Amino acid sequence: MHIALNKPNQLVVGLTGGIGSGKTAVSNRLQTLGATVIDTDEIAHSLTKAGGLAMPDIQRAFGHEALLSDGSMNRDHMRALVFKEPEQRIALEKILHPKIRQLVQQQLDAGAPLYFVLVVPLLFEKGGWGELMDEIIVVDCPVEQQVQRVIQRNGWPETQVRAVIQNQATRETRLAGATQLIQNNGDLAELVEKIDFMHQKLIKKAQK
């Protein structure tokens, strides 16, 4: 059950992409250029750190194994658990999603000088966000590039990276749902140029 969110009068741009596609590089650059970034992953992290709002519910639902010694969520344990048992994933989402949506709403209500960028990594996998968004930017690159980037960044074995990609929406699904596309298959300078161009387009749209 989704908490209905109130769409602000300002431009709200959804930002998504598969793991390792470069979403963070894009959102960081847009933030530097003046966009107001709301990152649902960052909100989830704040809810599950030591003393986070979701931790009492997580401990009640999943027991002490779900916690690290500092009181934050044991991400490795929970990642393995929800991967193996889909009903545990649903139980965790029931705790986190309403709280994430509540905090997103608070940030939307605060307003933005230019426009909002709402980062939702699983935008096409989890419903309930699209009605907020005027545009959906998909950051895209070939799957092999995703795999190499995540191995370099996270040090995960290739099988784990491919399993995560397998559990995400397909590249075709994301491309079909995009209203704007940023191809991140080159170097950083090339990516920055594309983001800056996109920002100019969004500014014009926000001013209409």
Protein backbone atom coordinates (compact mmCIF):
# COMPACT_ATOMS: atom_id res chain seq x y z
CA MET A 1 0.00 0.00 0.00
CA HIS A 2 1.59 3.29 -1.08
CA ILE A 3 1.26 6.53 0.80
CA ALA A 4 -0.03 8.96 -1.84
CA LEU A 5 2.43 11.78 -2.39
CA ASN A 6 1.47 15.35 -3.21
CA LYS A 7 3.13 16.59 -6.35
CA PRO A 8 4.66 20.07 -5.94
CA ASN A 9 4.05 22.77 -8.57
CA GLN A 10 7.73 22.65 -9.47
CA LEU A 11 9.40 20.36 -12.00
CA VAL A 12 10.15 16.90 -10.58
CA VAL A 13 12.64 14.83 -12.57
CA GLY A 14 12.97 11.12 -11.81
CA LEU A 15 16.47 9.67 -12.14
CA THR A 16 17.12 5.96 -12.41
CA GLY A 17 19.39 3.36 -14.00
CA GLY A 18 20.74 -0.10 -13.34
CA ILE A 19 23.46 -0.81 -10.78
CA GLY A 20 26.80 0.61 -11.98
CA SER A 21 25.19 2.79 -14.66
CA GLY A 22 26.44 6.05 -13.11
CA LYS A 23 23.31 7.45 -11.40
CA THR A 24 25.36 8.93 -8.55
CA ALA A 25 27.74 10.75 -10.90
CA VAL A 26 24.72 12.25 -12.67
CA SER A 27 22.84 13.27 -9.50
CA ASN A 28 26.01 14.74 -7.93
CA ARG A 29 26.67 16.85 -11.02
CA LEU A 30 23.05 18.06 -11.24
CA GLN A 31 23.23 18.98 -7.56
CA THR A 32 26.41 20.98 -8.19
CA LEU A 33 24.55 22.81 -10.98
CA GLY A 34 21.77 23.79 -8.54
CA ALA A 35 19.17 21.01 -8.73
CA THR A 36 17.58 19.87 -5.46
CA VAL A 37 18.41 16.16 -5.24
CA ILE A 38 16.29 13.78 -3.16
CA ASP A 39 17.94 10.34 -3.12
CA THR A 40 15.72 7.50 -1.86
CA ASP A 41 18.80 5.28 -1.29
CA GLU A 42 20.37 7.93 0.95
CA ILE A 43 17.10 8.23 2.87
CA ALA A 44 17.01 4.42 3.30
CA HIS A 45 20.59 4.56 4.65
CA SER A 46 19.66 7.27 7.16
CA LEU A 47 16.69 5.16 8.33
CA THR A 48 18.88 2.09 8.86
CA LYS A 49 21.95 3.66 10.49
CA ALA A 50 22.50 3.43 14.26
CA GLY A 51 19.58 5.24 15.88
CA GLY A 52 17.74 5.40 12.52
CA LEU A 53 13.95 5.65 12.59
CA ALA A 54 13.47 2.19 11.07
CA MET A 55 15.83 0.28 13.37
CA PRO A 56 13.40 -0.58 16.20
CA ASP A 57 10.94 -2.09 13.66
CA ILE A 58 13.76 -3.94 11.86
CA GLN A 59 15.03 -5.44 15.12
CA ARG A 60 11.49 -6.54 16.07
CA ALA A 61 10.87 -8.12 12.66
CA PHE A 62 14.27 -9.73 11.98
CA GLY A 63 15.95 -10.19 15.36
CA HIS A 64 19.46 -9.34 16.54
CA GLU A 65 21.16 -10.86 13.45
CA ALA A 66 19.80 -7.90 11.50
CA LEU A 67 21.94 -5.50 13.57
CA LEU A 68 25.66 -4.78 13.66
CA SER A 69 27.35 -4.15 17.00
CA ASP A 70 26.96 -0.37 16.54
CA GLY A 71 23.17 -0.70 16.22
CA SER A 72 22.98 -0.07 12.46
CA MET A 73 21.44 -2.57 10.04
CA ASN A 74 23.66 -5.46 9.01
CA ARG A 75 23.41 -4.85 5.26
CA ASP A 76 25.31 -7.97 4.17
CA HIS A 77 23.07 -10.20 6.30
CA MET A 78 19.87 -8.50 5.12
CA ARG A 79 20.97 -8.46 1.46
CA ALA A 80 21.56 -12.23 1.59
CA LEU A 81 18.29 -12.81 3.46
CA VAL A 82 16.02 -10.85 1.09
CA PHE A 83 17.76 -12.40 -1.91
CA LYS A 84 17.03 -15.90 -0.65
CA GLU A 85 13.54 -15.30 0.75
CA PRO A 86 11.25 -12.93 -1.19
CA GLU A 87 8.75 -12.71 1.71
CA GLN A 88 11.52 -11.24 3.90
CA ARG A 89 12.13 -8.60 1.23
CA ILE A 90 8.42 -7.71 1.37
CA ALA A 91 8.56 -7.48 5.18
CA LEU A 92 11.58 -5.13 5.01
CA GLU A 93 9.94 -2.98 2.32
CA LYS A 94 6.78 -2.66 4.45
CA ILE A 95 8.93 -1.12 7.17
CA LEU A 96 11.07 1.12 4.95
CA HIS A 97 8.87 2.32 2.08
CA PRO A 98 6.25 4.31 4.03
CA LYS A 99 9.04 6.05 5.99
CA ILE A 100 10.99 6.82 2.80
CA ARG A 101 7.89 8.29 1.14
CA GLN A 102 7.14 10.41 4.23
CA LEU A 103 10.66 11.90 4.19
CA VAL A 104 10.51 12.47 0.40
CA GLN A 105 7.26 14.37 0.89
CA GLN A 106 8.85 16.58 3.56
CA GLN A 107 11.65 17.52 1.16
CA LEU A 108 9.23 18.17 -1.72
CA ASP A 109 7.15 20.40 0.55
CA ALA A 110 10.26 22.47 1.35
CA GLY A 111 10.48 23.56 -2.32
CA ALA A 112 13.42 23.87 -4.74
CA PRO A 113 15.15 26.96 -6.19
CA LEU A 114 15.30 25.36 -9.68
CA TYR A 115 13.84 21.85 -9.92
CA PHE A 116 13.82 18.52 -8.06
CA VAL A 117 15.75 15.40 -9.01
CA LEU A 118 14.22 12.36 -7.33
CA VAL A 119 16.66 9.43 -7.45
CA VAL A 120 14.82 6.10 -7.34
CA PRO A 121 17.14 3.21 -8.32
CA LEU A 122 14.24 0.72 -8.62
CA LEU A 123 11.83 3.14 -10.27
CA PHE A 124 10.46 0.58 -12.74
CA GLU A 125 10.50 -2.32 -10.27
CA LYS A 126 8.53 -0.56 -7.52
CA GLY A 127 5.38 1.34 -8.42
CA GLY A 128 4.07 4.47 -6.82
CA TRP A 129 6.62 7.06 -7.95
CA GLY A 130 5.75 7.80 -11.57
CA GLU A 131 2.78 10.04 -10.74
CA LEU A 132 5.19 12.52 -9.14
CA MET A 133 7.49 12.86 -12.11
CA ASP A 134 7.34 15.26 -15.07
CA GLU A 135 10.39 13.66 -16.69
CA ILE A 136 12.23 10.37 -16.17
CA ILE A 137 15.97 10.37 -16.91
CA VAL A 138 17.47 6.93 -17.41
CA VAL A 139 21.26 6.63 -17.12
CA ASP A 140 22.22 3.80 -19.44
CA CYS A 141 25.28 1.76 -20.41
CA PRO A 142 25.88 -1.76 -21.75
CA VAL A 143 25.47 -4.58 -19.20
CA GLU A 144 29.14 -5.62 -19.49
CA GLN A 145 30.14 -2.09 -18.51
CA GLN A 146 27.80 -2.24 -15.48
CA VAL A 147 29.41 -5.51 -14.39
CA GLN A 148 32.98 -4.17 -14.66
CA ARG A 149 32.14 -0.93 -12.83
CA VAL A 150 30.48 -2.69 -9.89
CA ILE A 151 33.33 -5.20 -9.56
CA GLN A 152 35.82 -2.29 -9.47
CA ARG A 153 33.71 -0.21 -7.09
CA ASN A 154 32.37 -2.84 -4.67
CA GLY A 155 34.86 -5.67 -5.06
CA TRP A 156 31.96 -8.13 -5.49
CA PRO A 157 32.42 -11.39 -7.39
CA GLU A 158 31.02 -11.28 -10.92
CA THR A 159 28.27 -13.81 -10.08
CA GLN A 160 26.90 -11.50 -7.37
CA VAL A 161 26.87 -8.48 -9.70
CA ARG A 162 25.07 -10.45 -12.42
CA ALA A 163 22.54 -11.75 -9.87
CA VAL A 164 21.70 -8.16 -8.86
CA ILE A 165 21.36 -7.10 -12.52
CA GLN A 166 19.14 -10.14 -13.12
CA ASN A 167 16.83 -8.97 -10.31
CA GLN A 168 16.53 -5.44 -11.69
CA ALA A 169 14.30 -4.29 -14.55
CA THR A 170 15.77 -5.09 -17.94
CA ARG A 171 17.63 -2.45 -19.87
CA GLU A 172 14.82 -2.53 -22.47
CA THR A 173 12.18 -1.81 -19.79
CA ARG A 174 14.12 1.18 -18.50
CA LEU A 175 14.75 2.58 -21.99
CA ALA A 176 11.05 2.20 -22.84
CA GLY A 177 10.07 4.17 -19.72
CA ALA A 178 12.57 7.01 -20.18
CA THR A 179 11.54 10.46 -21.33
CA GLN A 180 15.21 11.56 -21.30
CA LEU A 181 18.32 9.42 -21.75
CA ILE A 182 21.93 9.87 -20.68
CA GLN A 183 24.27 7.34 -22.28
CA ASN A 184 27.19 6.78 -19.90
CA ASN A 185 29.44 4.62 -22.03
CA GLY A 186 32.40 6.99 -22.38
CA ASP A 187 34.69 8.87 -20.01
CA LEU A 188 33.79 11.29 -17.22
CA ALA A 189 34.39 14.45 -19.29
CA GLU A 190 31.93 13.17 -21.89
CA LEU A 191 29.38 12.36 -19.17
CA VAL A 192 29.68 15.82 -17.59
CA GLU A 193 29.06 17.43 -20.99
CA LYS A 194 25.87 15.38 -21.43
CA ILE A 195 24.66 16.21 -17.91
CA ASP A 196 25.30 19.94 -18.38
CA PHE A 197 23.33 19.87 -21.63
CA MET A 198 20.47 18.02 -19.89
CA HIS A 199 20.50 20.59 -17.06
CA GLN A 200 19.98 23.44 -19.54
CA LYS A 201 17.00 21.59 -21.04
CA LEU A 202 15.51 21.02 -17.57
CA ILE A 203 15.99 24.64 -16.55
CA LYS A 204 14.01 25.75 -19.64
CA LYS A 205 11.26 23.26 -18.84
CA ALA A 206 11.17 24.32 -15.17
CA GLN A 207 10.69 27.97 -16.16
CA LYS A 208 7.63 27.31 -18.34
